[in-house]
């Protein structure tokens, strides 16, 4: 081997050693502490939240950089010693058996992908690393959603249009709009292009969605106290004015909110403590 070959081998060996020595958290997103107004490490946030019963990790659906950020949050909390469960907007509550079988290793990926398609539809590739990680670490996956046809009916015709049978699927969830929630929906959704009665029906549908996820999460924690449930749900549901508000109306259990940075919409310059506790910055 000539001198250039020897140098190349040495260079590659040194590079391999450097990569092996690199910290496992090298790809962690930065975390912006909203109340303190400063950037902290992901591990620091995880240590602060490891005994928090409810952590909402907001998302834009099926956006791989954001789901990778959610996975890093789960990994950091797990490393910090939290006894985790993962609550999923993507699954209805009646998916409990399939989710349990997946975590237990009793469903093949092809079968579970079909379950995912039935409950949510598209976006499997973005969520696949999360559910694989949950199965590897035997972390319970919990469906929090209600049948989609119910929220669609409420958005179209109002909560009063639900039959007794349909209301029975909501585990006692009621829908009592108040000015604060209406203001929140206007801010979070931009009134969703509706006015008059249509906008009120849209607000009722959002409240049913928020309240049902809160009720189902609290039911799980009542049966398995001592766990930290990380709820993966859309940003509009994760903000403090949505699911966390419904939790607070029903339980004294504390909840924390982590949102992804969305440049021009949610960033360190615009995020408010009334919406979130932490912001994941630089997701990619």
Protein backbone atom coordinates (compact mmCIF):
# COMPACT_ATOMS: atom_id res chain seq x y z
CA UNK A 1 0.00 0.00 0.00
CA UNK A 2 1.46 3.42 -0.97
CA UNK A 3 1.67 6.40 1.33
CA UNK A 4 -1.60 7.84 0.02
CA UNK A 5 -3.39 4.58 0.75
CA UNK A 6 -2.03 4.50 4.29
CA UNK A 7 -3.11 8.09 4.87
CA UNK A 8 -6.60 7.32 3.54
CA UNK A 9 -6.97 4.32 5.86
CA UNK A 10 -5.81 6.39 8.83
CA UNK A 11 -8.20 9.21 7.91
CA UNK A 12 -11.14 6.84 7.62
CA UNK A 13 -10.26 5.17 10.92
CA UNK A 14 -10.08 8.54 12.67
CA UNK A 15 -13.41 9.55 11.17
CA UNK A 16 -14.99 6.31 12.36
CA UNK A 17 -13.72 6.93 15.89
CA UNK A 18 -15.08 10.46 15.86
CA UNK A 19 -18.49 9.25 14.71
CA UNK A 20 -18.53 6.52 17.34
CA UNK A 21 -17.68 9.06 20.02
CA UNK A 22 -20.31 11.57 18.88
CA UNK A 23 -23.10 12.02 21.45
CA UNK A 24 -26.30 10.14 20.65
CA UNK A 25 -28.27 13.36 21.08
CA UNK A 26 -26.35 15.13 18.28
CA UNK A 27 -29.51 15.29 16.16
CA UNK A 28 -31.77 16.49 18.96
CA UNK A 29 -33.87 19.52 18.12
CA UNK A 30 -33.31 22.64 20.18
CA UNK A 31 -36.00 23.38 22.75
CA UNK A 32 -37.28 26.89 23.37
CA UNK A 33 -38.58 27.36 26.93
CA UNK A 34 -41.49 29.73 26.34
CA UNK A 35 -41.88 31.02 29.89
CA UNK A 36 -38.15 31.53 30.46
CA UNK A 37 -37.58 32.91 26.97
CA UNK A 38 -34.42 30.87 26.38
CA UNK A 39 -33.18 27.76 24.62
CA UNK A 40 -32.54 24.58 26.62
CA UNK A 41 -31.52 21.03 25.80
CA UNK A 42 -33.97 18.25 25.00
CA UNK A 43 -32.63 16.19 27.93
CA UNK A 44 -33.18 19.15 30.26
CA UNK A 45 -36.81 19.40 29.19
CA UNK A 46 -37.27 15.64 29.58
CA UNK A 47 -35.92 15.69 33.13
CA UNK A 48 -38.41 18.43 34.01
CA UNK A 49 -41.34 16.54 32.46
CA UNK A 50 -40.58 12.94 33.39
CA UNK A 51 -43.15 12.92 36.21
CA UNK A 52 -45.75 15.07 34.42
CA UNK A 53 -48.83 12.89 33.85
CA UNK A 54 -49.82 14.48 30.52
CA UNK A 55 -47.54 15.87 27.84
CA UNK A 56 -49.08 17.06 24.58
CA UNK A 57 -46.72 16.96 21.61
CA UNK A 58 -48.41 18.91 18.84
CA UNK A 59 -47.88 18.20 15.17
CA UNK A 60 -48.70 18.93 11.60
CA UNK A 61 -50.02 15.60 10.38
CA UNK A 62 -47.79 13.32 8.33
CA UNK A 63 -44.83 15.73 8.20
CA UNK A 64 -41.80 13.47 8.79
CA UNK A 65 -39.54 16.14 10.36
CA UNK A 66 -42.22 16.84 12.97
CA UNK A 67 -42.87 13.16 13.69
CA UNK A 68 -39.10 12.67 14.06
CA UNK A 69 -39.17 15.44 16.64
CA UNK A 70 -42.00 13.71 18.50
CA UNK A 71 -39.99 10.49 18.51
CA UNK A 72 -36.99 12.32 19.95
CA UNK A 73 -39.23 13.64 22.74
CA UNK A 74 -40.38 10.08 23.50
CA UNK A 75 -36.81 8.79 23.50
CA UNK A 76 -35.65 11.60 25.79
CA UNK A 77 -38.47 11.06 28.27
CA UNK A 78 -37.83 7.31 28.24
CA UNK A 79 -34.12 7.92 28.88
CA UNK A 80 -35.06 10.27 31.75
CA UNK A 81 -36.95 7.44 33.45
CA UNK A 82 -40.57 8.28 32.61
CA UNK A 83 -43.05 5.35 32.50
CA UNK A 84 -44.57 6.22 29.16
CA UNK A 85 -47.77 5.68 27.28
CA UNK A 86 -48.52 7.28 23.91
CA UNK A 87 -51.96 8.70 23.26
CA UNK A 88 -52.87 8.94 19.58
CA UNK A 89 -55.30 11.21 17.79
CA UNK A 90 -54.75 8.90 14.81
CA UNK A 91 -56.66 6.01 16.41
CA UNK A 92 -60.17 5.78 17.76
CA UNK A 93 -60.74 4.50 21.24
CA UNK A 94 -62.17 1.27 19.79
CA UNK A 95 -58.71 0.46 18.40
CA UNK A 96 -57.51 -0.63 21.84
CA UNK A 97 -57.28 -4.34 21.08
CA UNK A 98 -55.34 -3.86 17.84
CA UNK A 99 -52.95 -1.39 19.48
CA UNK A 100 -52.34 -3.75 22.40
CA UNK A 101 -51.67 -6.64 20.02
CA UNK A 102 -49.24 -4.54 18.01
CA UNK A 103 -47.24 -3.53 21.10
CA UNK A 104 -47.22 -7.16 22.26
CA UNK A 105 -45.76 -8.24 18.91
CA UNK A 106 -48.85 -10.22 17.93
CA UNK A 107 -49.63 -8.29 14.71
CA UNK A 108 -47.44 -8.24 11.63
CA UNK A 109 -46.63 -4.82 10.23
CA UNK A 110 -48.80 -5.47 7.17
CA UNK A 111 -51.79 -6.18 9.42
CA UNK A 112 -51.17 -3.16 11.62
CA UNK A 113 -50.76 -0.90 8.60
CA UNK A 114 -54.26 -1.93 7.52
CA UNK A 115 -55.55 -1.00 10.99
CA UNK A 116 -53.85 2.39 10.68
CA UNK A 117 -55.44 2.93 7.27
CA UNK A 118 -58.88 2.17 8.71
CA UNK A 119 -58.45 4.58 11.63
CA UNK A 120 -56.55 7.44 10.01
CA UNK A 121 -55.92 6.85 6.34
CA UNK A 122 -52.67 8.16 4.91
CA UNK A 123 -49.30 9.06 6.38
CA UNK A 124 -48.11 5.65 7.57
CA UNK A 125 -44.47 6.28 6.65
CA UNK A 126 -44.32 9.35 8.92
CA UNK A 127 -45.74 7.53 11.96
CA UNK A 128 -44.10 4.14 11.40
CA UNK A 129 -40.88 4.92 13.38
CA UNK A 130 -42.98 5.98 16.39
CA UNK A 131 -45.12 2.84 16.52
CA UNK A 132 -42.09 0.62 15.89
CA UNK A 133 -40.29 2.32 18.78
CA UNK A 134 -43.32 1.83 21.04
CA UNK A 135 -43.40 -1.88 20.22
CA UNK A 136 -39.66 -2.26 20.78
CA UNK A 137 -39.92 -0.68 24.24
CA UNK A 138 -43.35 -2.13 25.12
CA UNK A 139 -44.81 1.35 25.54
CA UNK A 140 -48.65 1.26 25.46
CA UNK A 141 -50.33 2.94 22.49
CA UNK A 142 -53.75 4.37 23.30
CA UNK A 143 -56.40 5.49 20.79
CA UNK A 144 -58.03 8.74 21.91
CA UNK A 145 -60.27 9.69 19.01
CA UNK A 146 -63.98 9.25 18.30
CA UNK A 147 -65.53 7.95 15.07
CA UNK A 148 -64.92 10.50 12.33
CA UNK A 149 -68.54 10.43 11.23
CA UNK A 150 -69.55 11.89 14.59
CA UNK A 151 -67.33 14.97 14.38
CA UNK A 152 -68.33 15.44 10.74
CA UNK A 153 -72.02 15.31 11.68
CA UNK A 154 -71.50 17.83 14.49
CA UNK A 155 -69.59 20.16 12.15
CA UNK A 156 -72.40 19.92 9.61
CA UNK A 157 -75.51 19.93 11.83
CA UNK A 158 -74.43 20.66 15.41
CA UNK A 159 -74.06 18.62 18.59
CA UNK A 160 -77.84 18.56 19.08
CA UNK A 161 -78.19 16.50 15.89
CA UNK A 162 -76.46 13.46 17.43
CA UNK A 163 -78.64 10.49 18.30
CA UNK A 164 -78.60 8.90 21.73
CA UNK A 165 -76.59 6.02 20.27
CA UNK A 166 -74.01 8.42 18.82
CA UNK A 167 -73.74 10.32 22.09
CA UNK A 168 -73.17 6.99 23.81
CA UNK A 169 -69.93 6.64 21.81
CA UNK A 170 -68.63 9.86 23.38
CA UNK A 171 -68.22 8.51 26.93
CA UNK A 172 -70.40 11.21 28.45
CA UNK A 173 -68.76 14.10 26.60
CA UNK A 174 -70.93 17.20 26.53
CA UNK A 175 -70.57 20.32 24.41
CA UNK A 176 -70.91 23.64 26.19
CA UNK A 177 -69.32 26.42 24.18
CA UNK A 178 -68.20 29.55 25.99
CA UNK A 179 -66.72 32.86 24.75
CA UNK A 180 -63.15 31.84 25.67
CA UNK A 181 -63.33 28.70 23.54
CA UNK A 182 -64.91 30.56 20.62
CA UNK A 183 -62.09 33.10 20.77
CA UNK A 184 -59.54 30.29 20.92
CA UNK A 185 -60.97 28.61 17.81
CA UNK A 186 -60.95 31.91 15.93
CA UNK A 187 -57.28 32.38 16.79
CA UNK A 188 -56.24 28.78 16.17
CA UNK A 189 -58.25 28.17 13.00
CA UNK A 190 -58.87 31.65 11.63
CA UNK A 191 -62.63 31.04 11.97
CA UNK A 192 -62.08 28.22 9.44
CA UNK A 193 -63.77 30.28 6.76
CA UNK A 194 -67.18 29.96 8.41
CA UNK A 195 -69.60 32.47 9.83
CA UNK A 196 -72.87 32.40 11.73
CA UNK A 197 -74.26 29.03 12.67
CA UNK A 198 -71.75 27.08 10.57
CA UNK A 199 -68.88 28.47 12.62
CA UNK A 200 -70.66 27.51 15.86
CA UNK A 201 -71.12 23.97 14.58
CA UNK A 202 -67.44 23.85 13.65
CA UNK A 203 -66.56 24.98 17.20
CA UNK A 204 -68.82 22.28 18.63
CA UNK A 205 -67.07 19.65 16.53
CA UNK A 206 -63.67 20.87 17.73
CA UNK A 207 -64.82 20.82 21.35
CA UNK A 208 -66.17 17.27 21.01
CA UNK A 209 -62.80 16.24 19.56
CA UNK A 210 -60.85 18.00 22.34
CA UNK A 211 -63.08 16.80 25.16
CA UNK A 212 -63.16 13.19 23.98
CA UNK A 213 -59.37 13.01 23.79
CA UNK A 214 -59.12 14.52 27.28
CA UNK A 215 -61.65 12.05 28.72
CA UNK A 216 -60.03 9.03 27.09
CA UNK A 217 -56.54 10.06 28.25
CA UNK A 218 -57.73 10.60 31.82
CA UNK A 219 -59.55 7.26 31.80
CA UNK A 220 -56.32 5.50 30.84
CA UNK A 221 -54.30 7.26 33.54
CA UNK A 222 -56.93 6.45 36.14
CA UNK A 223 -56.44 2.78 35.30
CA UNK A 224 -52.64 3.05 35.11
CA UNK A 225 -51.52 5.78 37.53
CA UNK A 226 -47.89 6.79 37.58
CA UNK A 227 -47.46 6.87 33.83
CA UNK A 228 -46.67 9.85 31.65
CA UNK A 229 -48.94 9.91 28.62
CA UNK A 230 -47.53 11.75 25.64
CA UNK A 231 -50.44 12.76 23.42
CA UNK A 232 -49.64 13.09 19.72
CA UNK A 233 -52.23 15.36 18.15
CA UNK A 234 -52.58 18.28 15.78
CA UNK A 235 -51.25 21.65 16.88
CA UNK A 236 -54.74 23.17 17.17
CA UNK A 237 -55.78 20.39 19.61
CA UNK A 238 -52.49 20.44 21.54
CA UNK A 239 -52.47 24.15 22.39
CA UNK A 240 -53.42 24.98 25.97
CA UNK A 241 -56.80 26.36 24.93
CA UNK A 242 -57.90 23.01 23.49
CA UNK A 243 -57.27 19.50 24.95
CA UNK A 244 -55.30 20.81 27.98
CA UNK A 245 -58.22 23.10 28.84
CA UNK A 246 -60.59 20.14 28.70
CA UNK A 247 -58.23 18.14 30.91
CA UNK A 248 -58.08 20.96 33.46
CA UNK A 249 -61.88 21.11 33.61
CA UNK A 250 -62.00 17.45 34.59
CA UNK A 251 -58.86 16.73 36.62
CA UNK A 252 -56.14 18.37 38.73
CA UNK A 253 -53.46 16.41 36.86
CA UNK A 254 -50.90 18.79 35.37
CA UNK A 255 -50.31 18.88 31.62
CA UNK A 256 -47.45 20.36 29.58
CA UNK A 257 -47.55 21.39 25.92
CA UNK A 258 -44.76 21.00 23.36
CA UNK A 259 -45.36 22.46 19.91
CA UNK A 260 -43.22 22.31 16.77
CA UNK A 261 -41.74 25.45 15.34
CA UNK A 262 -43.70 26.54 12.28
CA UNK A 263 -41.79 29.48 10.75
CA UNK A 264 -44.02 32.51 10.35
CA UNK A 265 -46.73 31.01 12.55
CA UNK A 266 -45.17 29.43 15.64
CA UNK A 267 -41.64 30.48 16.45
CA UNK A 268 -39.72 31.93 19.41
CA UNK A 269 -40.78 35.44 18.39
CA UNK A 270 -44.51 34.71 18.22
CA UNK A 271 -45.30 31.78 20.56
CA UNK A 272 -47.13 32.65 23.79
CA UNK A 273 -47.07 30.93 27.16
CA UNK A 274 -50.87 30.82 26.92
CA UNK A 275 -50.41 28.37 24.05
CA UNK A 276 -47.37 26.24 24.90
CA UNK A 277 -44.65 25.51 27.43
CA UNK A 278 -41.95 24.48 24.96
CA UNK A 279 -41.22 24.81 21.25
CA UNK A 280 -39.15 22.31 19.25
CA UNK A 281 -36.91 24.44 17.04
CA UNK A 282 -35.08 23.51 13.88
CA UNK A 283 -36.89 20.26 13.06
CA UNK A 284 -35.57 18.62 9.92
